[in-house]
Amino acid sequence: MKNTKRVLAALIGAATLLLTVPGSASAAEGEFRYTYVTAGGDEGKVTLHDPASEECITLPEAAVEYAQPPAHSPKNRTDSTAVVFTNADCTGDWFSLRPFTGGASERLKLRSVIFS
């Protein structure tokens, strides 16, 4: 009887441990590129390497509405769909860019992105 209780307690402990260990974070493999305007009026380019999936990424160079112009010309070279948004925090109007070949011209303005 004592051994049965010990085995049961060990099984419950192991199950609890398995349930509380966080899973590995997934990432979109590849690169996501965009262009932004610097404070001096020049164009800058940024590449995100293997960005996190299912996590909103606000672009720091274009985050502050009314103080910074939005980024533009996104190129999705990741293996995930990228959804770009006109506002920070993945809000506002959005546009979807397919994996590997999705891209848009400078007419598409963005401040944040999320990957599937």
PDB file of N, CA and C in Angstrom:
ATOM      1  N   MET A   1       0.817  -1.178   0.000  1.00  0.00           N
ATOM      2  CA  MET A   1       0.000   0.000   0.000  1.00  0.00           C
ATOM      3  C   MET A   1       0.872   1.258   0.000  1.00  0.00           C
ATOM      4  N   LYS A   2       1.952   1.255   0.807  1.00  0.00           N
ATOM      5  CA  LYS A   2       2.832   2.405   0.861  1.00  0.00           C
ATOM      6  C   LYS A   2       3.528   2.616  -0.480  1.00  0.00           C
ATOM      7  N   ASN A   3       3.941   1.522  -1.131  1.00  0.00           N
ATOM      8  CA  ASN A   3       4.595   1.639  -2.429  1.00  0.00           C
ATOM      9  C   ASN A   3       3.637   2.206  -3.474  1.00  0.00           C
ATOM     10  N   THR A   4       2.385   1.815  -3.421  1.00  0.00           N
ATOM     11  CA  THR A   4       1.386   2.312  -4.367  1.00  0.00           C
ATOM     12  C   THR A   4       1.208   3.811  -4.206  1.00  0.00           C
ATOM     13  N   LYS A   5       1.185   4.296  -2.978  1.00  0.00           N
ATOM     14  CA  LYS A   5       1.050   5.727  -2.720  1.00  0.00           C
ATOM     15  C   LYS A   5       2.276   6.474  -3.241  1.00  0.00           C
ATOM     16  N   ARG A   6       3.438   5.907  -3.038  1.00  0.00           N
ATOM     17  CA  ARG A   6       4.665   6.548  -3.516  1.00  0.00           C
ATOM     18  C   ARG A   6       4.683   6.621  -5.047  1.00  0.00           C
ATOM     19  N   VAL A   7       4.301   5.529  -5.691  1.00  0.00           N
ATOM     20  CA  VAL A   7       4.270   5.496  -7.157  1.00  0.00           C
ATOM     21  C   VAL A   7       3.253   6.506  -7.673  1.00  0.00           C
ATOM     22  N   LEU A   8       2.090   6.541  -7.047  1.00  0.00           N
ATOM     23  CA  LEU A   8       1.056   7.491  -7.447  1.00  0.00           C
ATOM     24  C   LEU A   8       1.534   8.932  -7.252  1.00  0.00           C
ATOM     25  N   ALA A   9       2.174   9.208  -6.145  1.00  0.00           N
ATOM     26  CA  ALA A   9       2.697  10.550  -5.890  1.00  0.00           C
ATOM     27  C   ALA A   9       3.773  10.908  -6.908  1.00  0.00           C
ATOM     28  N   ALA A  10       4.629   9.965  -7.251  1.00  0.00           N
ATOM     29  CA  ALA A  10       5.675  10.213  -8.251  1.00  0.00           C
ATOM     30  C   ALA A  10       5.058  10.484  -9.623  1.00  0.00           C
ATOM     31  N   LEU A  11       4.035   9.736  -9.992  1.00  0.00           N
ATOM     32  CA  LEU A  11       3.360   9.945 -11.279  1.00  0.00           C
ATOM     33  C   LEU A  11       2.683  11.314 -11.334  1.00  0.00           C
ATOM     34  N   ILE A  12       2.044  11.701 -10.269  1.00  0.00           N
ATOM     35  CA  ILE A  12       1.389  13.014 -10.219  1.00  0.00           C
ATOM     36  C   ILE A  12       2.436  14.126 -10.300  1.00  0.00           C
ATOM     37  N   GLY A  13       3.532  13.954  -9.589  1.00  0.00           N
ATOM     38  CA  GLY A  13       4.608  14.944  -9.646  1.00  0.00           C
ATOM     39  C   GLY A  13       5.198  15.070 -11.035  1.00  0.00           C
ATOM     40  N   ALA A  14       5.416  13.944 -11.700  1.00  0.00           N
ATOM     41  CA  ALA A  14       5.968  13.967 -13.059  1.00  0.00           C
ATOM     42  C   ALA A  14       4.992  14.628 -14.031  1.00  0.00           C
ATOM     43  N   ALA A  15       3.720  14.311 -13.895  1.00  0.00           N
ATOM     44  CA  ALA A  15       2.713  14.918 -14.774  1.00  0.00           C
ATOM     45  C   ALA A  15       2.639  16.427 -14.561  1.00  0.00           C
ATOM     46  N   THR A  16       2.706  16.851 -13.314  1.00  0.00           N
ATOM     47  CA  THR A  16       2.675  18.288 -13.009  1.00  0.00           C
ATOM     48  C   THR A  16       3.889  18.985 -13.605  1.00  0.00           C
ATOM     49  N   LEU A  17       5.057  18.359 -13.494  1.00  0.00           N
ATOM     50  CA  LEU A  17       6.276  18.934 -14.047  1.00  0.00           C
ATOM     51  C   LEU A  17       6.169  19.067 -15.562  1.00  0.00           C
ATOM     52  N   LEU A  18       5.656  18.065 -16.227  1.00  0.00           N
ATOM     53  CA  LEU A  18       5.496  18.123 -17.680  1.00  0.00           C
ATOM     54  C   LEU A  18       4.545  19.232 -18.099  1.00  0.00           C
ATOM     55  N   LEU A  19       3.518  19.457 -17.335  1.00  0.00           N
ATOM     56  CA  LEU A  19       2.534  20.483 -17.675  1.00  0.00           C
ATOM     57  C   LEU A  19       3.043  21.891 -17.415  1.00  0.00           C
ATOM     58  N   THR A  20       4.009  22.056 -16.515  1.00  0.00           N
ATOM     59  CA  THR A  20       4.477  23.393 -16.170  1.00  0.00           C
ATOM     60  C   THR A  20       5.726  23.817 -16.922  1.00  0.00           C
ATOM     61  N   VAL A  21       6.398  22.904 -17.607  1.00  0.00           N
ATOM     62  CA  VAL A  21       7.586  23.260 -18.380  1.00  0.00           C
ATOM     63  C   VAL A  21       7.128  23.967 -19.652  1.00  0.00           C
ATOM     64  N   PRO A  22       7.595  25.181 -19.890  1.00  0.00           N
ATOM     65  CA  PRO A  22       7.154  25.895 -21.075  1.00  0.00           C
ATOM     66  C   PRO A  22       7.683  25.229 -22.339  1.00  0.00           C
ATOM     67  N   GLY A  23       6.879  25.298 -23.398  1.00  0.00           N
ATOM     68  CA  GLY A  23       7.297  24.780 -24.694  1.00  0.00           C
ATOM     69  C   GLY A  23       8.288  25.727 -25.328  1.00  0.00           C
ATOM     70  N   SER A  24       8.971  25.242 -26.320  1.00  0.00           N
ATOM     71  CA  SER A  24       9.936  26.095 -26.988  1.00  0.00           C
ATOM     72  C   SER A  24       9.212  27.120 -27.845  1.00  0.00           C
ATOM     73  N   ALA A  25       9.758  28.323 -27.886  1.00  0.00           N
ATOM     74  CA  ALA A  25       9.157  29.384 -28.675  1.00  0.00           C
ATOM     75  C   ALA A  25       9.403  29.102 -30.143  1.00  0.00           C
ATOM     76  N   SER A  26       8.384  29.350 -30.949  1.00  0.00           N
ATOM     77  CA  SER A  26       8.554  29.124 -32.372  1.00  0.00           C
ATOM     78  C   SER A  26       8.903  30.439 -33.051  1.00  0.00           C
ATOM     79  N   ALA A  27       9.545  30.318 -34.175  1.00  0.00           N
ATOM     80  CA  ALA A  27       9.948  31.506 -34.921  1.00  0.00           C
ATOM     81  C   ALA A  27       9.679  31.279 -36.392  1.00  0.00           C
ATOM     82  N   ALA A  28       9.430  32.361 -37.082  1.00  0.00           N
ATOM     83  CA  ALA A  28       9.334  32.322 -38.534  1.00  0.00           C
ATOM     84  C   ALA A  28      10.773  32.269 -39.044  1.00  0.00           C
ATOM     85  N   GLU A  29      11.112  31.265 -39.793  1.00  0.00           N
ATOM     86  CA  GLU A  29      12.485  31.142 -40.269  1.00  0.00           C
ATOM     87  C   GLU A  29      12.681  31.949 -41.538  1.00  0.00           C
ATOM     88  N   GLY A  30      13.730  32.737 -41.558  1.00  0.00           N
ATOM     89  CA  GLY A  30      14.032  33.572 -42.709  1.00  0.00           C
ATOM     90  C   GLY A  30      14.150  35.029 -42.314  1.00  0.00           C
ATOM     91  N   GLU A  31      13.988  35.907 -43.293  1.00  0.00           N
ATOM     92  CA  GLU A  31      14.161  37.344 -43.068  1.00  0.00           C
ATOM     93  C   GLU A  31      12.916  38.131 -43.453  1.00  0.00           C
ATOM     94  N   PHE A  32      12.667  39.175 -42.697  1.00  0.00           N
ATOM     95  CA  PHE A  32      11.626  40.151 -43.018  1.00  0.00           C
ATOM     96  C   PHE A  32      12.326  41.498 -43.098  1.00  0.00           C
ATOM     97  N   ARG A  33      12.164  42.196 -44.214  1.00  0.00           N
ATOM     98  CA  ARG A  33      12.854  43.467 -44.424  1.00  0.00           C
ATOM     99  C   ARG A  33      11.850  44.603 -44.606  1.00  0.00           C
ATOM    100  N   TYR A  34      12.252  45.784 -44.192  1.00  0.00           N
ATOM    101  CA  TYR A  34      11.443  46.976 -44.425  1.00  0.00           C
ATOM    102  C   TYR A  34      12.345  48.196 -44.477  1.00  0.00           C
ATOM    103  N   THR A  35      11.786  49.273 -45.004  1.00  0.00           N
ATOM    104  CA  THR A  35      12.508  50.532 -45.139  1.00  0.00           C
ATOM    105  C   THR A  35      11.816  51.574 -44.272  1.00  0.00           C
ATOM    106  N   TYR A  36      12.588  52.489 -43.701  1.00  0.00           N
ATOM    107  CA  TYR A  36      12.034  53.569 -42.889  1.00  0.00           C
ATOM    108  C   TYR A  36      12.780  54.857 -43.212  1.00  0.00           C
ATOM    109  N   VAL A  37      12.236  55.968 -42.752  1.00  0.00           N
ATOM    110  CA  VAL A  37      12.868  57.273 -42.962  1.00  0.00           C
ATOM    111  C   VAL A  37      13.535  57.689 -41.652  1.00  0.00           C
ATOM    112  N   THR A  38      14.819  58.036 -41.726  1.00  0.00           N
ATOM    113  CA  THR A  38      15.563  58.444 -40.535  1.00  0.00           C
ATOM    114  C   THR A  38      15.180  59.867 -40.133  1.00  0.00           C
ATOM    115  N   ALA A  39      15.624  60.280 -38.962  1.00  0.00           N
ATOM    116  CA  ALA A  39      15.360  61.641 -38.489  1.00  0.00           C
ATOM    117  C   ALA A  39      15.951  62.683 -39.442  1.00  0.00           C
ATOM    118  N   GLY A  40      17.017  62.332 -40.131  1.00  0.00           N
ATOM    119  CA  GLY A  40      17.649  63.240 -41.086  1.00  0.00           C
ATOM    120  C   GLY A  40      17.022  63.210 -42.474  1.00  0.00           C
ATOM    121  N   GLY A  41      16.000  62.380 -42.646  1.00  0.00           N
ATOM    122  CA  GLY A  41      15.310  62.306 -43.928  1.00  0.00           C
ATOM    123  C   GLY A  41      15.861  61.270 -44.890  1.00  0.00           C
ATOM    124  N   ASP A  42      16.888  60.525 -44.472  1.00  0.00           N
ATOM    125  CA  ASP A  42      17.449  59.476 -45.313  1.00  0.00           C
ATOM    126  C   ASP A  42      16.661  58.179 -45.132  1.00  0.00           C
ATOM    127  N   GLU A  43      16.826  57.250 -46.071  1.00  0.00           N
ATOM    128  CA  GLU A  43      16.192  55.951 -45.934  1.00  0.00           C
ATOM    129  C   GLU A  43      17.113  54.997 -45.198  1.00  0.00           C
ATOM    130  N   GLY A  44      16.536  54.257 -44.267  1.00  0.00           N
ATOM    131  CA  GLY A  44      17.249  53.206 -43.564  1.00  0.00           C
ATOM    132  C   GLY A  44      16.571  51.884 -43.865  1.00  0.00           C
ATOM    133  N   LYS A  45      17.293  50.806 -43.779  1.00  0.00           N
ATOM    134  CA  LYS A  45      16.742  49.472 -44.025  1.00  0.00           C
ATOM    135  C   LYS A  45      17.008  48.594 -42.813  1.00  0.00           C
ATOM    136  N   VAL A  46      16.006  47.780 -42.474  1.00  0.00           N
ATOM    137  CA  VAL A  46      16.114  46.877 -41.325  1.00  0.00           C
ATOM    138  C   VAL A  46      15.757  45.473 -41.786  1.00  0.00           C
ATOM    139  N   THR A  47      16.466  44.498 -41.266  1.00  0.00           N
ATOM    140  CA  THR A  47      16.151  43.100 -41.508  1.00  0.00           C
ATOM    141  C   THR A  47      15.926  42.411 -40.174  1.00  0.00           C
ATOM    142  N   LEU A  48      14.775  41.781 -40.025  1.00  0.00           N
ATOM    143  CA  LEU A  48      14.490  40.951 -38.849  1.00  0.00           C
ATOM    144  C   LEU A  48      14.835  39.516 -39.220  1.00  0.00           C
ATOM    145  N   HIS A  49      15.724  38.884 -38.468  1.00  0.00           N
ATOM    146  CA  HIS A  49      16.143  37.508 -38.732  1.00  0.00           C
ATOM    147  C   HIS A  49      15.362  36.566 -37.827  1.00  0.00           C
ATOM    148  N   ASP A  50      14.709  35.571 -38.411  1.00  0.00           N
ATOM    149  CA  ASP A  50      13.933  34.568 -37.675  1.00  0.00           C
ATOM    150  C   ASP A  50      13.047  35.203 -36.602  1.00  0.00           C
ATOM    151  N   PRO A  51      12.132  36.092 -37.001  1.00  0.00           N
ATOM    152  CA  PRO A  51      11.291  36.765 -36.006  1.00  0.00           C
ATOM    153  C   PRO A  51      10.344  35.794 -35.293  1.00  0.00           C
ATOM    154  N   ALA A  52       9.982  36.132 -34.080  1.00  0.00           N
ATOM    155  CA  ALA A  52       9.073  35.297 -33.285  1.00  0.00           C
ATOM    156  C   ALA A  52       7.720  35.172 -33.971  1.00  0.00           C
ATOM    157  N   SER A  53       7.118  34.006 -33.861  1.00  0.00           N
ATOM    158  CA  SER A  53       5.790  33.765 -34.421  1.00  0.00           C
ATOM    159  C   SER A  53       4.718  34.093 -33.390  1.00  0.00           C
ATOM    160  N   GLU A  54       3.569  34.512 -33.881  1.00  0.00           N
ATOM    161  CA  GLU A  54       2.385  34.780 -33.061  1.00  0.00           C
ATOM    162  C   GLU A  54       2.659  35.798 -31.959  1.00  0.00           C
ATOM    163  N   GLU A  55       3.564  36.733 -32.234  1.00  0.00           N
ATOM    164  CA  GLU A  55       3.902  37.797 -31.286  1.00  0.00           C
ATOM    165  C   GLU A  55       3.982  39.102 -32.065  1.00  0.00           C
ATOM    166  N   CYS A  56       3.215  40.083 -31.642  1.00  0.00           N
ATOM    167  CA  CYS A  56       3.215  41.367 -32.340  1.00  0.00           C
ATOM    168  C   CYS A  56       4.571  42.050 -32.181  1.00  0.00           C
ATOM    169  N   ILE A  57       5.119  42.504 -33.290  1.00  0.00           N
ATOM    170  CA  ILE A  57       6.392  43.223 -33.278  1.00  0.00           C
ATOM    171  C   ILE A  57       6.130  44.645 -33.762  1.00  0.00           C
ATOM    172  N   THR A  58       6.242  45.609 -32.867  1.00  0.00           N
ATOM    173  CA  THR A  58       6.128  47.014 -33.257  1.00  0.00           C
ATOM    174  C   THR A  58       7.499  47.464 -33.731  1.00  0.00           C
ATOM    175  N   LEU A  59       7.542  48.057 -34.916  1.00  0.00           N
ATOM    176  CA  LEU A  59       8.813  48.473 -35.513  1.00  0.00           C
ATOM    177  C   LEU A  59       9.310  49.735 -34.810  1.00  0.00           C
ATOM    178  N   PRO A  60      10.444  49.674 -34.122  1.00  0.00           N
ATOM    179  CA  PRO A  60      10.884  50.810 -33.311  1.00  0.00           C
ATOM    180  C   PRO A  60      11.152  52.076 -34.121  1.00  0.00           C
ATOM    181  N   GLU A  61      11.549  51.932 -35.377  1.00  0.00           N
ATOM    182  CA  GLU A  61      11.849  53.098 -36.211  1.00  0.00           C
ATOM    183  C   GLU A  61      10.580  53.806 -36.705  1.00  0.00           C
ATOM    184  N   ALA A  62       9.431  53.175 -36.494  1.00  0.00           N
ATOM    185  CA  ALA A  62       8.179  53.743 -36.985  1.00  0.00           C
ATOM    186  C   ALA A  62       7.065  53.660 -35.949  1.00  0.00           C
ATOM    187  N   ALA A  63       7.413  53.470 -34.694  1.00  0.00           N
ATOM    188  CA  ALA A  63       6.428  53.169 -33.655  1.00  0.00           C
ATOM    189  C   ALA A  63       5.558  54.352 -33.249  1.00  0.00           C
ATOM    190  N   VAL A  64       6.132  55.541 -33.212  1.00  0.00           N
ATOM    191  CA  VAL A  64       5.430  56.691 -32.643  1.00  0.00           C
ATOM    192  C   VAL A  64       4.695  57.458 -33.737  1.00  0.00           C
ATOM    193  N   GLU A  65       3.390  57.280 -33.754  1.00  0.00           N
ATOM    194  CA  GLU A  65       2.568  57.986 -34.730  1.00  0.00           C
ATOM    195  C   GLU A  65       2.672  59.490 -34.486  1.00  0.00           C
ATOM    196  N   TYR A  66       2.640  60.282 -35.502  1.00  0.00           N
ATOM    197  CA  TYR A  66       2.744  61.751 -35.486  1.00  0.00           C
ATOM    198  C   TYR A  66       4.171  62.247 -35.238  1.00  0.00           C
ATOM    199  N   ALA A  67       5.070  61.393 -34.751  1.00  0.00           N
ATOM    200  CA  ALA A  67       6.448  61.810 -34.527  1.00  0.00           C
ATOM    201  C   ALA A  67       7.395  61.165 -35.537  1.00  0.00           C
ATOM    202  N   GLN A  68       7.017  59.996 -36.026  1.00  0.00           N
ATOM    203  CA  GLN A  68       7.845  59.266 -36.986  1.00  0.00           C
ATOM    204  C   GLN A  68       6.972  58.830 -38.156  1.00  0.00           C
ATOM    205  N   PRO A  69       7.487  58.925 -39.372  1.00  0.00           N
ATOM    206  CA  PRO A  69       6.708  58.390 -40.491  1.00  0.00           C
ATOM    207  C   PRO A  69       6.668  56.862 -40.421  1.00  0.00           C
ATOM    208  N   PRO A  70       5.636  56.231 -40.965  1.00  0.00           N
ATOM    209  CA  PRO A  70       5.585  54.775 -40.951  1.00  0.00           C
ATOM    210  C   PRO A  70       6.659  54.177 -41.854  1.00  0.00           C
ATOM    211  N   ALA A  71       6.995  52.943 -41.599  1.00  0.00           N
ATOM    212  CA  ALA A  71       7.916  52.212 -42.465  1.00  0.00           C
ATOM    213  C   ALA A  71       7.173  51.854 -43.752  1.00  0.00           C
ATOM    214  N   HIS A  72       7.917  51.368 -44.736  1.00  0.00           N
ATOM    215  CA  HIS A  72       7.285  50.998 -46.006  1.00  0.00           C
ATOM    216  C   HIS A  72       8.112  49.922 -46.713  1.00  0.00           C
ATOM    217  N   SER A  73       7.641  49.478 -47.851  1.00  0.00           N
ATOM    218  CA  SER A  73       8.322  48.504 -48.719  1.00  0.00           C
ATOM    219  C   SER A  73       8.692  47.200 -48.004  1.00  0.00           C
ATOM    220  N   PRO A  74       7.738  46.551 -47.322  1.00  0.00           N
ATOM    221  CA  PRO A  74       8.077  45.303 -46.634  1.00  0.00           C
ATOM    222  C   PRO A  74       8.334  44.167 -47.619  1.00  0.00           C
ATOM    223  N   LYS A  75       9.243  43.285 -47.244  1.00  0.00           N
ATOM    224  CA  LYS A  75       9.562  42.080 -48.017  1.00  0.00           C
ATOM    225  C   LYS A  75       9.571  40.905 -47.055  1.00  0.00           C
ATOM    226  N   ASN A  76       8.682  39.957 -47.260  1.00  0.00           N
ATOM    227  CA  ASN A  76       8.600  38.794 -46.387  1.00  0.00           C
ATOM    228  C   ASN A  76       9.341  37.627 -47.021  1.00  0.00           C
ATOM    229  N   ARG A  77      10.487  37.303 -46.477  1.00  0.00           N
ATOM    230  CA  ARG A  77      11.284  36.172 -46.953  1.00  0.00           C
ATOM    231  C   ARG A  77      11.358  35.091 -45.873  1.00  0.00           C
ATOM    232  N   THR A  78      10.328  35.038 -45.033  1.00  0.00           N
ATOM    233  CA  THR A  78      10.239  34.000 -44.003  1.00  0.00           C
ATOM    234  C   THR A  78       9.358  32.868 -44.517  1.00  0.00           C
ATOM    235  N   ASP A  79       9.294  31.796 -43.746  1.00  0.00           N
ATOM    236  CA  ASP A  79       8.440  30.669 -44.110  1.00  0.00           C
ATOM    237  C   ASP A  79       7.026  30.799 -43.532  1.00  0.00           C
ATOM    238  N   SER A  80       6.689  31.963 -42.997  1.00  0.00           N
ATOM    239  CA  SER A  80       5.370  32.211 -42.405  1.00  0.00           C
ATOM    240  C   SER A  80       4.690  33.391 -43.089  1.00  0.00           C
ATOM    241  N   THR A  81       3.377  33.434 -42.990  1.00  0.00           N
ATOM    242  CA  THR A  81       2.643  34.594 -43.473  1.00  0.00           C
ATOM    243  C   THR A  81       2.924  35.756 -42.524  1.00  0.00           C
ATOM    244  N   ALA A  82       3.195  36.926 -43.088  1.00  0.00           N
ATOM    245  CA  ALA A  82       3.399  38.141 -42.289  1.00  0.00           C
ATOM    246  C   ALA A  82       2.191  39.037 -42.490  1.00  0.00           C
ATOM    247  N   VAL A  83       1.612  39.483 -41.406  1.00  0.00           N
ATOM    248  CA  VAL A  83       0.505  40.437 -41.477  1.00  0.00           C
ATOM    249  C   VAL A  83       1.033  41.760 -40.944  1.00  0.00           C
ATOM    250  N   VAL A  84       1.040  42.780 -41.809  1.00  0.00           N
ATOM    251  CA  VAL A  84       1.551  44.095 -41.420  1.00  0.00           C
ATOM    252  C   VAL A  84       0.381  45.006 -41.090  1.00  0.00           C
ATOM    253  N   PHE A  85       0.594  45.921 -40.145  1.00  0.00           N
ATOM    254  CA  PHE A  85      -0.454  46.807 -39.668  1.00  0.00           C
ATOM    255  C   PHE A  85      -0.035  48.264 -39.805  1.00  0.00           C
ATOM    256  N   THR A  86      -1.023  49.125 -40.005  1.00  0.00           N
ATOM    257  CA  THR A  86      -0.755  50.556 -40.169  1.00  0.00           C
ATOM    258  C   THR A  86      -0.433  51.244 -38.857  1.00  0.00           C
ATOM    259  N   ASN A  87      -0.774  50.635 -37.734  1.00  0.00           N
ATOM    260  CA  ASN A  87      -0.514  51.231 -36.414  1.00  0.00           C
ATOM    261  C   ASN A  87       0.364  50.314 -35.583  1.00  0.00           C
ATOM    262  N   ALA A  88       0.931  50.855 -34.516  1.00  0.00           N
ATOM    263  CA  ALA A  88       1.701  50.067 -33.556  1.00  0.00           C
ATOM    264  C   ALA A  88       0.785  49.064 -32.866  1.00  0.00           C
ATOM    265  N   ASP A  89       1.370  48.073 -32.231  1.00  0.00           N
ATOM    266  CA  ASP A  89       0.642  47.068 -31.449  1.00  0.00           C
ATOM    267  C   ASP A  89      -0.336  46.251 -32.279  1.00  0.00           C
ATOM    268  N   CYS A  90      -0.025  46.085 -33.569  1.00  0.00           N
ATOM    269  CA  CYS A  90      -0.836  45.270 -34.485  1.00  0.00           C
ATOM    270  C   CYS A  90      -2.296  45.699 -34.500  1.00  0.00           C
ATOM    271  N   THR A  91      -2.488  47.002 -34.658  1.00  0.00           N
ATOM    272  CA  THR A  91      -3.837  47.562 -34.763  1.00  0.00           C
ATOM    273  C   THR A  91      -3.927  48.377 -36.048  1.00  0.00           C
ATOM    274  N   GLY A  92      -5.134  48.732 -36.394  1.00  0.00           N
ATOM    275  CA  GLY A  92      -5.361  49.520 -37.597  1.00  0.00           C
ATOM    276  C   GLY A  92      -5.595  48.624 -38.800  1.00  0.00           C
ATOM    277  N   ASP A  93      -5.491  49.212 -39.972  1.00  0.00           N
ATOM    278  CA  ASP A  93      -5.655  48.443 -41.197  1.00  0.00           C
ATOM    279  C   ASP A  93      -4.501  47.466 -41.330  1.00  0.00           C
ATOM    280  N   TRP A  94      -4.734  46.365 -42.038  1.00  0.00           N
ATOM    281  CA  TRP A  94      -3.706  45.342 -42.162  1.00  0.00           C
ATOM    282  C   TRP A  94      -3.640  44.821 -43.584  1.00  0.00           C
ATOM    283  N   PHE A  95      -2.512  44.197 -43.888  1.00  0.00           N
ATOM    284  CA  PHE A  95      -2.291  43.591 -45.188  1.00  0.00           C
ATOM    285  C   PHE A  95      -1.454  42.339 -44.979  1.00  0.00           C
ATOM    286  N   SER A  96      -1.795  41.266 -45.658  1.00  0.00           N
ATOM    287  CA  SER A  96      -1.110  39.991 -45.500  1.00  0.00           C
ATOM    288  C   SER A  96      -0.069  39.800 -46.605  1.00  0.00           C
ATOM    289  N   LEU A  97       1.123  39.350 -46.208  1.00  0.00           N
ATOM    290  CA  LEU A  97       2.208  39.059 -47.148  1.00  0.00           C
ATOM    291  C   LEU A  97       2.522  37.569 -47.082  1.00  0.00           C
ATOM    292  N   ARG A  98       2.408  36.894 -48.201  1.00  0.00           N
ATOM    293  CA  ARG A  98       2.614  35.441 -48.220  1.00  0.00           C
ATOM    294  C   ARG A  98       4.079  35.079 -47.908  1.00  0.00           C
ATOM    295  N   PRO A  99       4.299  33.831 -47.506  1.00  0.00           N
ATOM    296  CA  PRO A  99       5.657  33.382 -47.184  1.00  0.00           C
ATOM    297  C   PRO A  99       6.588  33.425 -48.402  1.00  0.00           C
ATOM    298  N   PHE A 100       7.838  33.602 -48.154  1.00  0.00           N
ATOM    299  CA  PHE A 100       8.954  33.535 -49.099  1.00  0.00           C
ATOM    300  C   PHE A 100       8.991  34.647 -50.138  1.00  0.00           C
ATOM    301  N   THR A 101       7.877  34.995 -50.748  1.00  0.00           N
ATOM    302  CA  THR A 101       7.900  35.949 -51.865  1.00  0.00           C
ATOM    303  C   THR A 101       7.025  37.172 -51.652  1.00  0.00           C
ATOM    304  N   GLY A 102       6.379  37.291 -50.513  1.00  0.00           N
ATOM    305  CA  GLY A 102       5.474  38.416 -50.279  1.00  0.00           C
ATOM    306  C   GLY A 102       6.228  39.722 -50.145  1.00  0.00           C
ATOM    307  N   GLY A 103       5.715  40.732 -50.788  1.00  0.00           N
ATOM    308  CA  GLY A 103       6.347  42.038 -50.709  1.00  0.00           C
ATOM    309  C   GLY A 103       5.410  43.116 -51.201  1.00  0.00           C
ATOM    310  N   ALA A 104       5.759  44.343 -50.931  1.00  0.00           N
ATOM    311  CA  ALA A 104       4.935  45.467 -51.357  1.00  0.00           C
ATOM    312  C   ALA A 104       5.836  46.665 -51.632  1.00  0.00           C
ATOM    313  N   SER A 105       5.263  47.640 -52.303  1.00  0.00           N
ATOM    314  CA  SER A 105       6.009  48.842 -52.663  1.00  0.00           C
ATOM    315  C   SER A 105       6.019  49.836 -51.506  1.00  0.00           C
ATOM    316  N   GLU A 106       6.591  50.997 -51.762  1.00  0.00           N
ATOM    317  CA  GLU A 106       6.638  52.036 -50.728  1.00  0.00           C
ATOM    318  C   GLU A 106       5.258  52.612 -50.429  1.00  0.00           C
ATOM    319  N   ARG A 107       4.265  52.257 -51.219  1.00  0.00           N
ATOM    320  CA  ARG A 107       2.896  52.731 -50.946  1.00  0.00           C
ATOM    321  C   ARG A 107       2.288  52.041 -49.729  1.00  0.00           C
ATOM    322  N   LEU A 108       2.776  50.849 -49.387  1.00  0.00           N
ATOM    323  CA  LEU A 108       2.256  50.138 -48.210  1.00  0.00           C
ATOM    324  C   LEU A 108       2.997  50.631 -46.971  1.00  0.00           C
ATOM    325  N   LYS A 109       2.270  51.283 -46.083  1.00  0.00           N
ATOM    326  CA  LYS A 109       2.838  51.844 -44.851  1.00  0.00           C
ATOM    327  C   LYS A 109       2.568  50.902 -43.700  1.00  0.00           C
ATOM    328  N   LEU A 110       3.550  50.746 -42.795  1.00  0.00           N
ATOM    329  CA  LEU A 110       3.374  49.846 -41.668  1.00  0.00           C
ATOM    330  C   LEU A 110       4.103  50.350 -40.434  1.00  0.00           C
ATOM    331  N   ARG A 111       3.582  49.935 -39.277  1.00  0.00           N
ATOM    332  CA  ARG A 111       4.208  50.253 -37.986  1.00  0.00           C
ATOM    333  C   ARG A 111       4.400  48.998 -37.126  1.00  0.00           C
ATOM    334  N   SER A 112       3.767  47.901 -37.506  1.00  0.00           N
ATOM    335  CA  SER A 112       3.921  46.661 -36.739  1.00  0.00           C
ATOM    336  C   SER A 112       3.641  45.467 -37.646  1.00  0.00           C
ATOM    337  N   VAL A 113       4.048  44.284 -37.172  1.00  0.00           N
ATOM    338  CA  VAL A 113       3.899  43.055 -37.956  1.00  0.00           C
ATOM    339  C   VAL A 113       3.742  41.873 -37.015  1.00  0.00           C
ATOM    340  N   ILE A 114       3.039  40.853 -37.474  1.00  0.00           N
ATOM    341  CA  ILE A 114       2.917  39.591 -36.747  1.00  0.00           C
ATOM    342  C   ILE A 114       3.054  38.464 -37.751  1.00  0.00           C
ATOM    343  N   PHE A 115       3.698  37.369 -37.326  1.00  0.00           N
ATOM    344  CA  PHE A 115       3.924  36.226 -38.188  1.00  0.00           C
ATOM    345  C   PHE A 115       3.097  35.043 -37.696  1.00  0.00           C
ATOM    346  N   SER A 116       2.558  34.271 -38.645  1.00  0.00           N
ATOM    347  CA  SER A 116       1.723  33.123 -38.265  1.00  0.00           C
ATOM    348  C   SER A 116       2.561  31.937 -37.871  1.00  0.00           C
TER     349      SER A 116
END
